Amino acid sequence: MISSDIMRGYNDLLILSVLLDGDSYGYEISKRIRDISEERYVIKETTLYSAFARLEKNGFITSYPGDKTHGKPRTYYKLTAAGLAHFIEKQEEWQVTKVVVDKFLGG
């Protein structure tokens, strides 16, 4: 299991990555992160919803109500053009980061 401390700076990017495949809602996004990481990383619900608020505030995602489940509509999240641009920028930054860290950790 990966420490949440290590993943803290990457949670937003993991969410944006999931949203590249299309609009989704909180539980499904957290499930995709868990599945893609092969259960090595499980994002906490509070972390997930804090990230949604931050991403929406920065204009990287938008939210809208979806289908009702048990009387309450799900909130769906959608990647914006600014979110896609941010993701691409950070993806490039990650490639450089990985090279630098590998030099120190023998990767």
Protein backbone atom coordinates (compact mmCIF):
# COMPACT_ATOMS: atom_id res chain seq x y z
CA MET A 1 0.00 0.00 0.00
CA ILE A 2 1.35 3.43 -0.96
CA SER A 3 1.47 6.06 1.76
CA SER A 4 -1.01 8.91 1.36
CA ASP A 5 1.88 11.30 2.20
CA ILE A 6 3.68 10.26 -0.98
CA MET A 7 0.53 10.54 -3.10
CA ARG A 8 -0.68 13.87 -1.69
CA GLY A 9 0.77 15.96 -4.52
CA TYR A 10 -0.62 13.65 -7.18
CA ASN A 11 -4.25 13.17 -6.12
CA ASP A 12 -5.51 15.95 -8.38
CA LEU A 13 -3.70 14.44 -11.36
CA LEU A 14 -5.06 10.97 -10.66
CA ILE A 15 -8.58 12.39 -10.65
CA LEU A 16 -7.98 14.36 -13.85
CA SER A 17 -6.55 11.23 -15.45
CA VAL A 18 -9.70 9.26 -14.64
CA LEU A 19 -11.84 12.08 -16.04
CA LEU A 20 -9.93 11.91 -19.35
CA ASP A 21 -12.10 8.85 -20.03
CA GLY A 22 -15.33 10.79 -19.44
CA ASP A 23 -17.56 12.28 -16.78
CA SER A 24 -17.85 10.36 -13.54
CA TYR A 25 -18.91 10.63 -9.90
CA GLY A 26 -17.02 10.33 -6.62
CA TYR A 27 -17.42 6.66 -5.78
CA GLU A 28 -16.66 5.56 -9.34
CA ILE A 29 -13.57 7.80 -9.49
CA SER A 30 -12.22 6.41 -6.22
CA LYS A 31 -12.93 2.86 -7.42
CA ARG A 32 -11.07 3.49 -10.71
CA ILE A 33 -8.06 4.85 -8.78
CA ARG A 34 -8.08 1.77 -6.55
CA ASP A 35 -8.46 -0.58 -9.56
CA ILE A 36 -5.85 1.10 -11.77
CA SER A 37 -3.35 1.11 -8.87
CA GLU A 38 -4.11 -2.59 -8.36
CA GLU A 39 -5.26 -1.72 -4.82
CA ARG A 40 -1.87 -0.21 -3.94
CA TYR A 41 -3.51 3.17 -3.37
CA VAL A 42 -6.94 3.87 -1.91
CA ILE A 43 -7.88 7.54 -1.87
CA LYS A 44 -9.75 8.61 1.27
CA GLU A 45 -13.20 10.10 0.81
CA THR A 46 -12.24 13.36 2.54
CA THR A 47 -9.17 13.66 0.32
CA LEU A 48 -11.26 12.98 -2.77
CA TYR A 49 -13.90 15.62 -2.03
CA SER A 50 -11.29 18.19 -0.98
CA ALA A 51 -9.59 17.61 -4.33
CA PHE A 52 -12.92 18.02 -6.18
CA ALA A 53 -13.48 21.39 -4.47
CA ARG A 54 -9.92 22.55 -5.28
CA LEU A 55 -10.09 21.36 -8.90
CA GLU A 56 -13.45 23.05 -9.42
CA LYS A 57 -12.25 26.28 -7.79
CA ASN A 58 -9.26 26.30 -10.18
CA GLY A 59 -11.52 25.73 -13.18
CA PHE A 60 -10.06 22.29 -13.98
CA ILE A 61 -13.37 20.45 -13.54
CA THR A 62 -17.06 21.31 -13.42
CA SER A 63 -19.80 19.46 -11.57
CA TYR A 64 -23.43 18.79 -12.32
CA PRO A 65 -26.23 16.71 -10.81
CA GLY A 66 -26.85 13.30 -12.31
CA ASP A 67 -29.22 10.43 -11.65
CA LYS A 68 -30.92 10.11 -8.28
CA THR A 69 -29.75 7.28 -6.08
CA HIS A 70 -31.66 6.63 -2.88
CA GLY A 71 -33.36 10.03 -3.17
CA LYS A 72 -30.23 12.13 -3.67
CA PRO A 73 -28.77 12.96 -7.11
CA ARG A 74 -25.17 11.95 -7.72
CA THR A 75 -22.74 14.74 -8.46
CA TYR A 76 -20.85 14.15 -11.69
CA TYR A 77 -17.52 15.75 -12.53
CA LYS A 78 -16.33 16.78 -15.98
CA LEU A 79 -12.84 17.72 -17.16
CA THR A 80 -12.58 21.24 -18.62
CA ALA A 81 -10.22 22.47 -21.34
CA ALA A 82 -8.18 24.18 -18.61
CA GLY A 83 -8.10 20.87 -16.71
CA LEU A 84 -6.80 19.04 -19.76
CA ALA A 85 -4.09 21.67 -20.30
CA HIS A 86 -3.11 21.44 -16.61
CA PHE A 87 -2.98 17.65 -16.81
CA ILE A 88 -0.71 17.73 -19.87
CA GLU A 89 1.59 20.29 -18.23
CA LYS A 90 1.84 18.23 -15.04
CA GLN A 91 2.31 15.02 -16.99
CA GLU A 92 5.38 16.57 -18.65
CA GLU A 93 6.60 17.83 -15.26
CA TRP A 94 6.22 14.29 -13.86
CA GLN A 95 8.54 12.90 -16.54
CA VAL A 96 11.29 15.29 -15.42
CA THR A 97 10.56 14.62 -11.73
CA LYS A 98 10.83 10.89 -12.28
CA VAL A 99 14.23 11.24 -13.95
CA VAL A 100 15.59 13.36 -11.09
CA VAL A 101 14.25 11.11 -8.32
CA ASP A 102 15.52 7.99 -10.11
CA LYS A 103 19.02 9.49 -10.12
CA PHE A 104 18.93 9.62 -6.32
CA LEU A 105 17.10 6.36 -5.67
CA GLY A 106 18.86 4.25 -8.26
CA GLY A 107 15.91 3.76 -10.63
